[in-house]
Structures are given as C-alpha cells and as structure tokens.
C-alpha cells in the first residue's frame, strides 16, 4: 500500500493511501502493531449507496462527533463515523481536494486551482 502521513487522533492512528491496484485505502490502529482496514462503502448526499473510488489525499478528525473526514480527488469528502455503516460521501466541487481540517463546527478544505471553502458540520 502506498500511504500518506498518518494522523494520530484520540486513541487511534489513521493512515490513508492506495492499494497496489490503485484503489483507495484507509487503515486504523491503536498501537501501530495491528492494522484494520476500514470498508469504504457509503451513502452519498442523494441517498445512493456506493464504494469510494477516488483517492484520499488528506484526513482530519472531529473529536466532538468521533468521526474522520477524508478529502479526496474529484471534490469528494468522505465522513467515517464510528459506525462503519454510516459512512457518507459529499461532493463539494469538481476540483481535487488536497487538504482538510476542522475547527469545532467547521470543515476547512483546500484543493486544486486555489480552491478554498468552509463547510458547517454542526
């Protein structure tokens, strides 16, 4: 797996990246010895179920709701709450997203062509 910089959040370590076949991957660990891959099934903002195909570029953690947000190619944000069946995918732009961070109630996202946006999450 090709991976990005890990994120340490609470009692978990998260790594985003891609498998050798180019499909997206998200793995979690508590100590870094044993890793568990998270299923990337989701429901989109139109209620349609699917599986993430765009690559993850950055990850952020929301401690208030205990969920991760992943900025992906093609303007998608994937939310990964503790319930693996509750994953949601949102399309916020047609541009690739490269950075994501949150500040209490707001996501801050950045992407290609100087794209910057904030999104209220509560």
C-alpha atoms as a PDB file:
ATOM      1  CA  UNK A   1       0.000   0.000   0.000  1.00  0.00           C
ATOM      2  CA  UNK A   2       1.238   3.483  -0.840  1.00  0.00           C
ATOM      3  CA  UNK A   3       0.427   5.659   2.148  1.00  0.00           C
ATOM      4  CA  UNK A   4       0.275   9.280   3.216  1.00  0.00           C
ATOM      5  CA  UNK A   5       1.333  10.795   6.532  1.00  0.00           C
ATOM      6  CA  UNK A   6      -0.532   9.142   9.427  1.00  0.00           C
ATOM      7  CA  UNK A   7      -2.949  11.032  11.644  1.00  0.00           C
ATOM      8  CA  UNK A   8      -2.979  10.392  15.388  1.00  0.00           C
ATOM      9  CA  UNK A   9      -6.406  11.108  16.853  1.00  0.00           C
ATOM     10  CA  UNK A  10      -7.580  10.148  20.300  1.00  0.00           C
ATOM     11  CA  UNK A  11      -6.520   6.558  20.838  1.00  0.00           C
ATOM     12  CA  UNK A  12      -6.256   5.730  17.111  1.00  0.00           C
ATOM     13  CA  UNK A  13      -3.768   6.083  14.310  1.00  0.00           C
ATOM     14  CA  UNK A  14      -5.244   6.519  10.818  1.00  0.00           C
ATOM     15  CA  UNK A  15      -3.449   6.095   7.513  1.00  0.00           C
ATOM     16  CA  UNK A  16      -4.907   6.917   4.102  1.00  0.00           C
ATOM     17  CA  UNK A  17      -3.450   5.709   0.832  1.00  0.00           C
ATOM     18  CA  UNK A  18      -3.975   3.349  -2.038  1.00  0.00           C
ATOM     19  CA  UNK A  19      -3.580  -0.361  -2.687  1.00  0.00           C
ATOM     20  CA  UNK A  20      -1.181  -1.622  -5.338  1.00  0.00           C
ATOM     21  CA  UNK A  21      -4.131  -1.840  -7.768  1.00  0.00           C
ATOM     22  CA  UNK A  22      -4.840   1.893  -7.293  1.00  0.00           C
ATOM     23  CA  UNK A  23      -7.974   1.554  -5.140  1.00  0.00           C
ATOM     24  CA  UNK A  24      -8.313   3.796  -2.054  1.00  0.00           C
ATOM     25  CA  UNK A  25      -7.471   2.512   1.410  1.00  0.00           C
ATOM     26  CA  UNK A  26      -7.965   3.683   4.997  1.00  0.00           C
ATOM     27  CA  UNK A  27      -6.405   1.772   7.875  1.00  0.00           C
ATOM     28  CA  UNK A  28      -6.713   2.214  11.647  1.00  0.00           C
ATOM     29  CA  UNK A  29      -4.585   1.007  14.548  1.00  0.00           C
ATOM     30  CA  UNK A  30      -4.469   1.651  18.267  1.00  0.00           C
ATOM     31  CA  UNK A  31      -0.751   0.957  18.844  1.00  0.00           C
ATOM     32  CA  UNK A  32       0.664   0.678  15.329  1.00  0.00           C
ATOM     33  CA  UNK A  33       1.279  -3.079  15.544  1.00  0.00           C
ATOM     34  CA  UNK A  34      -2.012  -4.379  14.188  1.00  0.00           C
ATOM     35  CA  UNK A  35      -3.872  -2.538  11.408  1.00  0.00           C
ATOM     36  CA  UNK A  36      -7.523  -2.874  10.402  1.00  0.00           C
ATOM     37  CA  UNK A  37      -8.762  -1.707   7.020  1.00  0.00           C
ATOM     38  CA  UNK A  38     -11.976   0.294   7.055  1.00  0.00           C
ATOM     39  CA  UNK A  39     -14.627  -0.554   4.462  1.00  0.00           C
ATOM     40  CA  UNK A  40     -15.191   2.471   2.236  1.00  0.00           C
ATOM     41  CA  UNK A  41     -18.862   1.844   1.461  1.00  0.00           C
ATOM     42  CA  UNK A  42     -21.002   4.954   1.799  1.00  0.00           C
ATOM     43  CA  UNK A  43     -24.302   6.669   1.186  1.00  0.00           C
ATOM     44  CA  UNK A  44     -23.938   9.849  -0.887  1.00  0.00           C
ATOM     45  CA  UNK A  45     -25.718  13.185  -0.456  1.00  0.00           C
ATOM     46  CA  UNK A  46     -28.522  11.874  -2.727  1.00  0.00           C
ATOM     47  CA  UNK A  47     -29.071   8.712  -0.648  1.00  0.00           C
ATOM     48  CA  UNK A  48     -27.364   6.408  -3.174  1.00  0.00           C
ATOM     49  CA  UNK A  49     -25.082   3.666  -1.840  1.00  0.00           C
ATOM     50  CA  UNK A  50     -21.641   3.084  -3.326  1.00  0.00           C
ATOM     51  CA  UNK A  51     -17.970   2.428  -2.656  1.00  0.00           C
ATOM     52  CA  UNK A  52     -15.233   5.065  -2.724  1.00  0.00           C
ATOM     53  CA  UNK A  53     -13.227   5.021  -5.953  1.00  0.00           C
ATOM     54  CA  UNK A  54     -11.487   8.407  -5.763  1.00  0.00           C
ATOM     55  CA  UNK A  55      -8.167   8.523  -3.956  1.00  0.00           C
ATOM     56  CA  UNK A  56      -7.899  10.064  -0.493  1.00  0.00           C
ATOM     57  CA  UNK A  57      -5.475  12.985  -0.219  1.00  0.00           C
ATOM     58  CA  UNK A  58      -5.842  14.186   3.385  1.00  0.00           C
ATOM     59  CA  UNK A  59      -7.593  13.231   6.611  1.00  0.00           C
ATOM     60  CA  UNK A  60      -8.902  15.159   9.613  1.00  0.00           C
ATOM     61  CA  UNK A  61     -10.503  14.086  12.889  1.00  0.00           C
ATOM     62  CA  UNK A  62     -13.594  15.591  14.529  1.00  0.00           C
ATOM     63  CA  UNK A  63     -13.361  14.714  18.236  1.00  0.00           C
ATOM     64  CA  UNK A  64     -16.820  16.118  19.035  1.00  0.00           C
ATOM     65  CA  UNK A  65     -18.629  13.590  16.800  1.00  0.00           C
ATOM     66  CA  UNK A  66     -15.804  10.985  16.850  1.00  0.00           C
ATOM     67  CA  UNK A  67     -15.514  10.879  13.070  1.00  0.00           C
ATOM     68  CA  UNK A  68     -12.864  11.249  10.404  1.00  0.00           C
ATOM     69  CA  UNK A  69     -13.192  13.403   7.292  1.00  0.00           C
ATOM     70  CA  UNK A  70     -11.233  12.482   4.188  1.00  0.00           C
ATOM     71  CA  UNK A  71     -10.543  14.913   1.325  1.00  0.00           C
ATOM     72  CA  UNK A  72     -10.482  13.046  -1.983  1.00  0.00           C
ATOM     73  CA  UNK A  73      -9.884  13.546  -5.678  1.00  0.00           C
ATOM     74  CA  UNK A  74     -12.777  14.929  -7.747  1.00  0.00           C
ATOM     75  CA  UNK A  75     -14.047  17.163  -4.943  1.00  0.00           C
ATOM     76  CA  UNK A  76     -15.351  14.458  -2.632  1.00  0.00           C
ATOM     77  CA  UNK A  77     -15.351  14.369   1.162  1.00  0.00           C
ATOM     78  CA  UNK A  78     -15.921  11.035   2.896  1.00  0.00           C
ATOM     79  CA  UNK A  79     -17.046  11.051   6.528  1.00  0.00           C
ATOM     80  CA  UNK A  80     -16.144   7.989   8.584  1.00  0.00           C
ATOM     81  CA  UNK A  81     -18.006   7.945  11.913  1.00  0.00           C
ATOM     82  CA  UNK A  82     -17.518   5.140  14.417  1.00  0.00           C
ATOM     83  CA  UNK A  83     -20.438   3.282  12.769  1.00  0.00           C
ATOM     84  CA  UNK A  84     -18.963   1.753   9.600  1.00  0.00           C
ATOM     85  CA  UNK A  85     -22.432   1.514   8.019  1.00  0.00           C
ATOM     86  CA  UNK A  86     -22.969   5.245   8.499  1.00  0.00           C
ATOM     87  CA  UNK A  87     -20.223   6.479   6.120  1.00  0.00           C
ATOM     88  CA  UNK A  88     -21.334   9.442   3.982  1.00  0.00           C
ATOM     89  CA  UNK A  89     -19.877  10.862   0.777  1.00  0.00           C
ATOM     90  CA  UNK A  90     -20.348  14.507  -0.199  1.00  0.00           C
ATOM     91  CA  UNK A  91     -19.304  16.176  -3.430  1.00  0.00           C
ATOM     92  CA  UNK A  92     -18.340  19.798  -2.780  1.00  0.00           C
ATOM     93  CA  UNK A  93     -16.557  20.745  -6.029  1.00  0.00           C
ATOM     94  CA  UNK A  94     -15.284  19.252  -9.260  1.00  0.00           C
ATOM     95  CA  UNK A  95     -11.684  20.037  -8.253  1.00  0.00           C
ATOM     96  CA  UNK A  96      -9.339  17.626  -6.490  1.00  0.00           C
ATOM     97  CA  UNK A  97      -9.213  18.260  -2.743  1.00  0.00           C
ATOM     98  CA  UNK A  98      -5.756  18.175  -1.163  1.00  0.00           C
ATOM     99  CA  UNK A  99      -6.239  19.401   2.398  1.00  0.00           C
ATOM    100  CA  UNK A 100      -8.867  19.204   5.110  1.00  0.00           C
ATOM    101  CA  UNK A 101      -9.010  20.376   8.706  1.00  0.00           C
ATOM    102  CA  UNK A 102     -11.737  21.166  11.177  1.00  0.00           C
ATOM    103  CA  UNK A 103     -12.305  23.762  13.850  1.00  0.00           C
ATOM    104  CA  UNK A 104     -15.147  22.758  16.189  1.00  0.00           C
ATOM    105  CA  UNK A 105     -18.142  23.283  13.867  1.00  0.00           C
ATOM    106  CA  UNK A 106     -16.457  23.984  10.542  1.00  0.00           C
ATOM    107  CA  UNK A 107     -14.508  21.987   7.963  1.00  0.00           C
ATOM    108  CA  UNK A 108     -11.858  23.889   6.056  1.00  0.00           C
ATOM    109  CA  UNK A 109     -10.991  22.347   2.692  1.00  0.00           C
ATOM    110  CA  UNK A 110      -8.457  23.306   0.042  1.00  0.00           C
ATOM    111  CA  UNK A 111      -7.944  21.972  -3.440  1.00  0.00           C
ATOM    112  CA  UNK A 112      -6.679  22.464  -6.954  1.00  0.00           C
ATOM    113  CA  UNK A 113      -6.696  25.897  -8.622  1.00  0.00           C
ATOM    114  CA  UNK A 114      -6.611  27.715  -5.244  1.00  0.00           C
ATOM    115  CA  UNK A 115      -9.967  26.256  -4.192  1.00  0.00           C
ATOM    116  CA  UNK A 116     -10.758  27.068  -0.529  1.00  0.00           C
ATOM    117  CA  UNK A 117     -14.076  26.532   1.187  1.00  0.00           C
ATOM    118  CA  UNK A 118     -15.574  26.160   4.648  1.00  0.00           C
ATOM    119  CA  UNK A 119     -18.472  23.881   5.484  1.00  0.00           C
ATOM    120  CA  UNK A 120     -20.558  23.961   8.675  1.00  0.00           C
ATOM    121  CA  UNK A 121     -20.756  20.439  10.113  1.00  0.00           C
ATOM    122  CA  UNK A 122     -22.975  21.291  13.111  1.00  0.00           C
END
